[in-house]
Amino acid sequence: MAMSYTLFTQAERAAGLRFYVRTWQPPGATAASIRAAIANIDSKLVVGNLSTMTDLIDDNLLAERTIALLALTFGILAAVLAGIGLYGILAYSSAQRTREIGIRMALGAQRGMVVGLIVREVLLLAGGSIAATVPLAVLGSHLVRSQLFGVSIADPGVYGAGILVICLVAAFAAFLPARRAASVNPVEALRAE
């Protein structure tokens, strides 16, 4: 938004003045004092809307905050959808390997080893997604660096948080298939096919 500051008397259409007042009082008490001071100067002057600087800043940042909220919402939705997709892949893979898991357990494999087998798959998928997304995130951050307030384009905390979220989504997606695979009865698994 373009702005031009001129003298009030030189304005083409003098619509009103805006004053900024710094005070140590609470805003409610200051508003009453300001109205009284203006009324003492000229009772015909009308004091329009009084607002705090915090309110003005909040109004100016409303669009940016809305965009940030939408990005957060879509990011959470993407993480949930990725978790559901990963769960589906792992559940299908575990179901296809029921016979193999049954044979492993019949030969003495412990539940922890079976869970480790499923978790290893998850770690490979999560590692691949991290290896693909971190370079893309670095490139994307260069494109939107003017919109990143208080965050550098190479902030390790942000990337660490992103990697942690990927790992948590992968762990939650792997929980049910790993538990189901660890509870396979070897006798029923061998009879299934």
C-alpha atoms as a PDB file:
ATOM      1  CA  MET A   1       0.000   0.000   0.000  1.00  0.00           C
ATOM      2  CA  ALA A   2       1.544   3.292  -1.108  1.00  0.00           C
ATOM      3  CA  MET A   3       1.611   6.158   1.396  1.00  0.00           C
ATOM      4  CA  SER A   4       2.451   9.823   1.099  1.00  0.00           C
ATOM      5  CA  TYR A   5       2.872  12.139   4.063  1.00  0.00           C
ATOM      6  CA  THR A   6       1.888  15.786   3.499  1.00  0.00           C
ATOM      7  CA  LEU A   7       0.896  18.716   5.625  1.00  0.00           C
ATOM      8  CA  PHE A   8      -2.730  18.626   6.720  1.00  0.00           C
ATOM      9  CA  THR A   9      -3.376  22.051   5.214  1.00  0.00           C
ATOM     10  CA  GLN A  10      -2.005  20.911   1.831  1.00  0.00           C
ATOM     11  CA  ALA A  11      -4.212  17.835   1.572  1.00  0.00           C
ATOM     12  CA  GLU A  12      -6.679  17.831  -1.310  1.00  0.00           C
ATOM     13  CA  ARG A  13      -9.495  16.452   0.807  1.00  0.00           C
ATOM     14  CA  ALA A  14      -8.796  16.909   4.482  1.00  0.00           C
ATOM     15  CA  ALA A  15     -10.721  14.041   6.026  1.00  0.00           C
ATOM     16  CA  GLY A  16      -9.204  13.944   9.448  1.00  0.00           C
ATOM     17  CA  LEU A  17      -6.082  13.578  11.479  1.00  0.00           C
ATOM     18  CA  ARG A  18      -4.566  10.538  13.111  1.00  0.00           C
ATOM     19  CA  PHE A  19      -2.549  10.902  16.275  1.00  0.00           C
ATOM     20  CA  TYR A  20      -0.387   8.314  17.992  1.00  0.00           C
ATOM     21  CA  VAL A  21      -0.151   8.719  21.744  1.00  0.00           C
ATOM     22  CA  ARG A  22       2.391   6.993  23.955  1.00  0.00           C
ATOM     23  CA  THR A  23       1.243   6.496  27.514  1.00  0.00           C
ATOM     24  CA  TRP A  24       1.984   4.477  30.619  1.00  0.00           C
ATOM     25  CA  GLN A  25      -1.709   4.165  31.525  1.00  0.00           C
ATOM     26  CA  PRO A  26      -4.006   1.300  30.504  1.00  0.00           C
ATOM     27  CA  PRO A  27      -5.654   1.916  27.099  1.00  0.00           C
ATOM     28  CA  GLY A  28      -9.165   2.316  28.556  1.00  0.00           C
ATOM     29  CA  ALA A  29      -8.111   5.089  30.926  1.00  0.00           C
ATOM     30  CA  THR A  30      -6.074   6.797  28.212  1.00  0.00           C
ATOM     31  CA  ALA A  31      -9.044   6.871  25.821  1.00  0.00           C
ATOM     32  CA  ALA A  32     -11.148   8.780  28.319  1.00  0.00           C
ATOM     33  CA  SER A  33      -8.286  11.238  28.964  1.00  0.00           C
ATOM     34  CA  ILE A  34      -7.763  11.825  25.237  1.00  0.00           C
ATOM     35  CA  ARG A  35     -11.477  12.463  24.614  1.00  0.00           C
ATOM     36  CA  ALA A  36     -11.576  14.908  27.530  1.00  0.00           C
ATOM     37  CA  ALA A  37      -8.462  16.763  26.303  1.00  0.00           C
ATOM     38  CA  ILE A  38      -9.876  17.115  22.759  1.00  0.00           C
ATOM     39  CA  ALA A  39     -13.233  18.306  24.141  1.00  0.00           C
ATOM     40  CA  ASN A  40     -11.410  20.966  26.176  1.00  0.00           C
ATOM     41  CA  ILE A  41      -9.715  22.248  23.010  1.00  0.00           C
ATOM     42  CA  ASP A  42     -12.858  22.331  20.853  1.00  0.00           C
ATOM     43  CA  SER A  43     -16.157  20.677  21.703  1.00  0.00           C
ATOM     44  CA  LYS A  44     -17.066  20.380  17.991  1.00  0.00           C
ATOM     45  CA  LEU A  45     -14.129  18.056  17.241  1.00  0.00           C
ATOM     46  CA  VAL A  46     -15.107  14.429  16.940  1.00  0.00           C
ATOM     47  CA  VAL A  47     -12.749  11.741  18.195  1.00  0.00           C
ATOM     48  CA  GLY A  48     -13.185   8.701  15.973  1.00  0.00           C
ATOM     49  CA  ASN A  49     -12.095   5.204  16.681  1.00  0.00           C
ATOM     50  CA  LEU A  50      -9.419   4.858  19.296  1.00  0.00           C
ATOM     51  CA  SER A  51      -7.304   1.746  19.106  1.00  0.00           C
ATOM     52  CA  THR A  52      -4.077   0.509  20.549  1.00  0.00           C
ATOM     53  CA  MET A  53      -0.910   0.032  18.533  1.00  0.00           C
ATOM     54  CA  THR A  54      -1.208  -3.704  19.183  1.00  0.00           C
ATOM     55  CA  ASP A  55      -4.627  -3.704  17.497  1.00  0.00           C
ATOM     56  CA  LEU A  56      -3.260  -1.785  14.494  1.00  0.00           C
ATOM     57  CA  ILE A  57      -0.344  -4.207  14.127  1.00  0.00           C
ATOM     58  CA  ASP A  58      -2.707  -7.180  14.446  1.00  0.00           C
ATOM     59  CA  ASP A  59      -4.933  -5.719  11.709  1.00  0.00           C
ATOM     60  CA  ASN A  60      -1.928  -5.187   9.424  1.00  0.00           C
ATOM     61  CA  LEU A  61      -0.677  -8.756   9.973  1.00  0.00           C
ATOM     62  CA  LEU A  62      -4.070 -10.417   9.547  1.00  0.00           C
ATOM     63  CA  ALA A  63      -3.408 -11.563   5.967  1.00  0.00           C
ATOM     64  CA  GLU A  64       0.009 -13.023   6.837  1.00  0.00           C
ATOM     65  CA  ARG A  65      -1.383 -14.803   9.892  1.00  0.00           C
ATOM     66  CA  THR A  66      -4.258 -16.229   7.852  1.00  0.00           C
ATOM     67  CA  ILE A  67      -1.829 -17.559   5.252  1.00  0.00           C
ATOM     68  CA  ALA A  68       0.334 -19.053   8.006  1.00  0.00           C
ATOM     69  CA  LEU A  69      -2.715 -20.715   9.586  1.00  0.00           C
ATOM     70  CA  LEU A  70      -3.764 -22.144   6.218  1.00  0.00           C
ATOM     71  CA  ALA A  71      -0.232 -23.438   5.602  1.00  0.00           C
ATOM     72  CA  LEU A  72      -0.210 -25.060   9.043  1.00  0.00           C
ATOM     73  CA  THR A  73      -3.618 -26.630   8.434  1.00  0.00           C
ATOM     74  CA  PHE A  74      -2.609 -28.019   5.053  1.00  0.00           C
ATOM     75  CA  GLY A  75       0.695 -29.228   6.504  1.00  0.00           C
ATOM     76  CA  ILE A  76      -1.114 -31.147   9.242  1.00  0.00           C
ATOM     77  CA  LEU A  77      -3.549 -32.540   6.682  1.00  0.00           C
ATOM     78  CA  ALA A  78      -0.631 -33.639   4.484  1.00  0.00           C
ATOM     79  CA  ALA A  79       1.067 -35.343   7.456  1.00  0.00           C
ATOM     80  CA  VAL A  80      -2.158 -37.184   8.341  1.00  0.00           C
ATOM     81  CA  LEU A  81      -2.657 -38.301   4.736  1.00  0.00           C
ATOM     82  CA  ALA A  82       0.973 -39.413   4.503  1.00  0.00           C
ATOM     83  CA  GLY A  83       0.541 -41.378   7.736  1.00  0.00           C
ATOM     84  CA  ILE A  84      -2.599 -43.057   6.416  1.00  0.00           C
ATOM     85  CA  GLY A  85      -0.831 -43.947   3.166  1.00  0.00           C
ATOM     86  CA  LEU A  86       2.200 -45.289   4.996  1.00  0.00           C
ATOM     87  CA  TYR A  87      -0.056 -47.303   7.291  1.00  0.00           C
ATOM     88  CA  GLY A  88      -1.812 -48.778   4.265  1.00  0.00           C
ATOM     89  CA  ILE A  89       1.483 -49.773   2.640  1.00  0.00           C
ATOM     90  CA  LEU A  90       2.778 -51.364   5.842  1.00  0.00           C
ATOM     91  CA  ALA A  91      -0.489 -53.157   6.597  1.00  0.00           C
ATOM     92  CA  TYR A  92      -0.593 -54.584   3.078  1.00  0.00           C
ATOM     93  CA  SER A  93       3.075 -55.567   3.229  1.00  0.00           C
ATOM     94  CA  SER A  94       2.596 -57.255   6.625  1.00  0.00           C
ATOM     95  CA  ALA A  95      -0.464 -59.111   5.399  1.00  0.00           C
ATOM     96  CA  GLN A  96       1.439 -60.340   2.334  1.00  0.00           C
ATOM     97  CA  ARG A  97       4.264 -61.577   4.561  1.00  0.00           C
ATOM     98  CA  THR A  98       2.072 -63.435   7.073  1.00  0.00           C
ATOM     99  CA  ARG A  99       3.436 -66.804   5.979  1.00  0.00           C
ATOM    100  CA  GLU A 100       7.044 -65.576   6.166  1.00  0.00           C
ATOM    101  CA  ILE A 101       6.459 -64.100   9.625  1.00  0.00           C
ATOM    102  CA  GLY A 102       4.792 -67.354  10.735  1.00  0.00           C
ATOM    103  CA  ILE A 103       7.804 -69.372   9.555  1.00  0.00           C
ATOM    104  CA  ARG A 104      10.198 -66.999  11.330  1.00  0.00           C
ATOM    105  CA  MET A 105       8.221 -67.293  14.569  1.00  0.00           C
ATOM    106  CA  ALA A 106       7.976 -71.097  14.215  1.00  0.00           C
ATOM    107  CA  LEU A 107      11.764 -71.217  13.896  1.00  0.00           C
ATOM    108  CA  GLY A 108      12.171 -69.237  17.130  1.00  0.00           C
ATOM    109  CA  ALA A 109      12.032 -65.574  16.178  1.00  0.00           C
ATOM    110  CA  GLN A 110      10.906 -63.412  19.079  1.00  0.00           C
ATOM    111  CA  ARG A 111       8.204 -60.768  18.833  1.00  0.00           C
ATOM    112  CA  GLY A 112      10.841 -58.046  19.063  1.00  0.00           C
ATOM    113  CA  MET A 113      12.582 -59.383  15.977  1.00  0.00           C
ATOM    114  CA  VAL A 114       9.313 -59.345  14.026  1.00  0.00           C
ATOM    115  CA  VAL A 115       8.589 -55.787  15.164  1.00  0.00           C
ATOM    116  CA  GLY A 116      12.142 -54.857  14.146  1.00  0.00           C
ATOM    117  CA  LEU A 117      11.480 -56.291  10.687  1.00  0.00           C
ATOM    118  CA  ILE A 118       8.472 -54.001  10.219  1.00  0.00           C
ATOM    119  CA  VAL A 119      10.210 -51.008  11.794  1.00  0.00           C
ATOM    120  CA  ARG A 120      13.157 -51.480   9.435  1.00  0.00           C
ATOM    121  CA  GLU A 121      10.770 -51.061   6.497  1.00  0.00           C
ATOM    122  CA  VAL A 122       9.406 -47.898   8.067  1.00  0.00           C
ATOM    123  CA  LEU A 123      12.889 -46.513   8.623  1.00  0.00           C
ATOM    124  CA  LEU A 124      13.765 -47.132   4.976  1.00  0.00           C
ATOM    125  CA  LEU A 125      10.605 -45.334   3.811  1.00  0.00           C
ATOM    126  CA  ALA A 126      11.091 -42.465   6.278  1.00  0.00           C
ATOM    127  CA  GLY A 127      14.778 -42.154   5.379  1.00  0.00           C
ATOM    128  CA  GLY A 128      13.902 -41.987   1.705  1.00  0.00           C
ATOM    129  CA  SER A 129      11.284 -39.322   2.314  1.00  0.00           C
ATOM    130  CA  ILE A 130      13.701 -37.291   4.445  1.00  0.00           C
ATOM    131  CA  ALA A 131      16.435 -37.595   1.817  1.00  0.00           C
ATOM    132  CA  ALA A 132      13.994 -36.338  -0.820  1.00  0.00           C
ATOM    133  CA  THR A 133      12.272 -33.568   1.119  1.00  0.00           C
ATOM    134  CA  VAL A 134      15.150 -31.808   2.881  1.00  0.00           C
ATOM    135  CA  PRO A 135      16.826 -30.645  -0.365  1.00  0.00           C
ATOM    136  CA  LEU A 136      13.421 -29.615  -1.730  1.00  0.00           C
ATOM    137  CA  ALA A 137      12.722 -27.683   1.477  1.00  0.00           C
ATOM    138  CA  VAL A 138      16.054 -25.859   1.187  1.00  0.00           C
ATOM    139  CA  LEU A 139      15.270 -24.905  -2.420  1.00  0.00           C
ATOM    140  CA  GLY A 140      11.716 -23.886  -1.502  1.00  0.00           C
ATOM    141  CA  SER A 141      12.922 -21.734   1.390  1.00  0.00           C
ATOM    142  CA  HIS A 142      15.074 -19.722  -1.024  1.00  0.00           C
ATOM    143  CA  LEU A 143      11.935 -18.926  -3.025  1.00  0.00           C
ATOM    144  CA  VAL A 144       9.963 -17.680  -0.012  1.00  0.00           C
ATOM    145  CA  ARG A 145      12.778 -16.169   2.054  1.00  0.00           C
ATOM    146  CA  SER A 146      11.095 -12.747   2.049  1.00  0.00           C
ATOM    147  CA  GLN A 147       8.118 -14.291   3.887  1.00  0.00           C
ATOM    148  CA  LEU A 148      10.190 -15.993   6.604  1.00  0.00           C
ATOM    149  CA  PHE A 149      10.137 -13.687   9.602  1.00  0.00           C
ATOM    150  CA  GLY A 150      12.527 -14.579  12.415  1.00  0.00           C
ATOM    151  CA  VAL A 151      13.631 -17.801  10.681  1.00  0.00           C
ATOM    152  CA  SER A 152      16.716 -18.139   8.540  1.00  0.00           C
ATOM    153  CA  ILE A 153      16.561 -20.209   5.373  1.00  0.00           C
ATOM    154  CA  ALA A 154      19.007 -22.729   6.862  1.00  0.00           C
ATOM    155  CA  ASP A 155      17.566 -22.971  10.397  1.00  0.00           C
ATOM    156  CA  PRO A 156      18.535 -26.388  11.779  1.00  0.00           C
ATOM    157  CA  GLY A 157      15.750 -26.248  14.373  1.00  0.00           C
ATOM    158  CA  VAL A 158      13.064 -26.015  11.689  1.00  0.00           C
ATOM    159  CA  TYR A 159      14.571 -28.832   9.652  1.00  0.00           C
ATOM    160  CA  GLY A 160      15.031 -30.911  12.810  1.00  0.00           C
ATOM    161  CA  ALA A 161      11.375 -30.364  13.718  1.00  0.00           C
ATOM    162  CA  GLY A 162      10.330 -31.415  10.210  1.00  0.00           C
ATOM    163  CA  ILE A 163      12.419 -34.581  10.398  1.00  0.00           C
ATOM    164  CA  LEU A 164      10.994 -35.310  13.855  1.00  0.00           C
ATOM    165  CA  VAL A 165       7.443 -34.954  12.518  1.00  0.00           C
ATOM    166  CA  ILE A 166       8.219 -37.338   9.652  1.00  0.00           C
ATOM    167  CA  CYS A 167       9.656 -39.868  12.113  1.00  0.00           C
ATOM    168  CA  LEU A 168       6.656 -39.551  14.452  1.00  0.00           C
ATOM    169  CA  VAL A 169       4.177 -40.002  11.604  1.00  0.00           C
ATOM    170  CA  ALA A 170       6.138 -43.056  10.433  1.00  0.00           C
ATOM    171  CA  ALA A 171       6.234 -44.498  13.974  1.00  0.00           C
ATOM    172  CA  PHE A 172       2.492 -44.039  14.465  1.00  0.00           C
ATOM    173  CA  ALA A 173       1.805 -45.554  11.048  1.00  0.00           C
ATOM    174  CA  ALA A 174       4.006 -48.576  11.868  1.00  0.00           C
ATOM    175  CA  PHE A 175       2.573 -49.216  15.326  1.00  0.00           C
ATOM    176  CA  LEU A 176      -0.528 -51.188  14.339  1.00  0.00           C
ATOM    177  CA  PRO A 177       1.014 -53.293  11.527  1.00  0.00           C
ATOM    178  CA  ALA A 178       4.033 -54.147  13.716  1.00  0.00           C
ATOM    179  CA  ARG A 179       1.784 -55.157  16.607  1.00  0.00           C
ATOM    180  CA  ARG A 180      -0.387 -57.225  14.290  1.00  0.00           C
ATOM    181  CA  ALA A 181       2.676 -58.922  12.756  1.00  0.00           C
ATOM    182  CA  ALA A 182       4.145 -59.685  16.200  1.00  0.00           C
ATOM    183  CA  SER A 183       0.922 -61.376  17.285  1.00  0.00           C
ATOM    184  CA  VAL A 184       0.780 -63.778  14.334  1.00  0.00           C
ATOM    185  CA  ASN A 185       0.158 -67.355  15.427  1.00  0.00           C
ATOM    186  CA  PRO A 186       2.762 -69.483  13.581  1.00  0.00           C
ATOM    187  CA  VAL A 187       0.432 -72.468  13.227  1.00  0.00           C
ATOM    188  CA  GLU A 188      -2.409 -70.431  11.700  1.00  0.00           C
ATOM    189  CA  ALA A 189       0.023 -68.570   9.436  1.00  0.00           C
ATOM    190  CA  LEU A 190       1.428 -71.827   8.059  1.00  0.00           C
ATOM    191  CA  ARG A 191      -2.062 -73.220   7.457  1.00  0.00           C
ATOM    192  CA  ALA A 192      -3.329 -70.036   5.811  1.00  0.00           C
ATOM    193  CA  GLU A 193      -1.957 -70.853   2.355  1.00  0.00           C
END
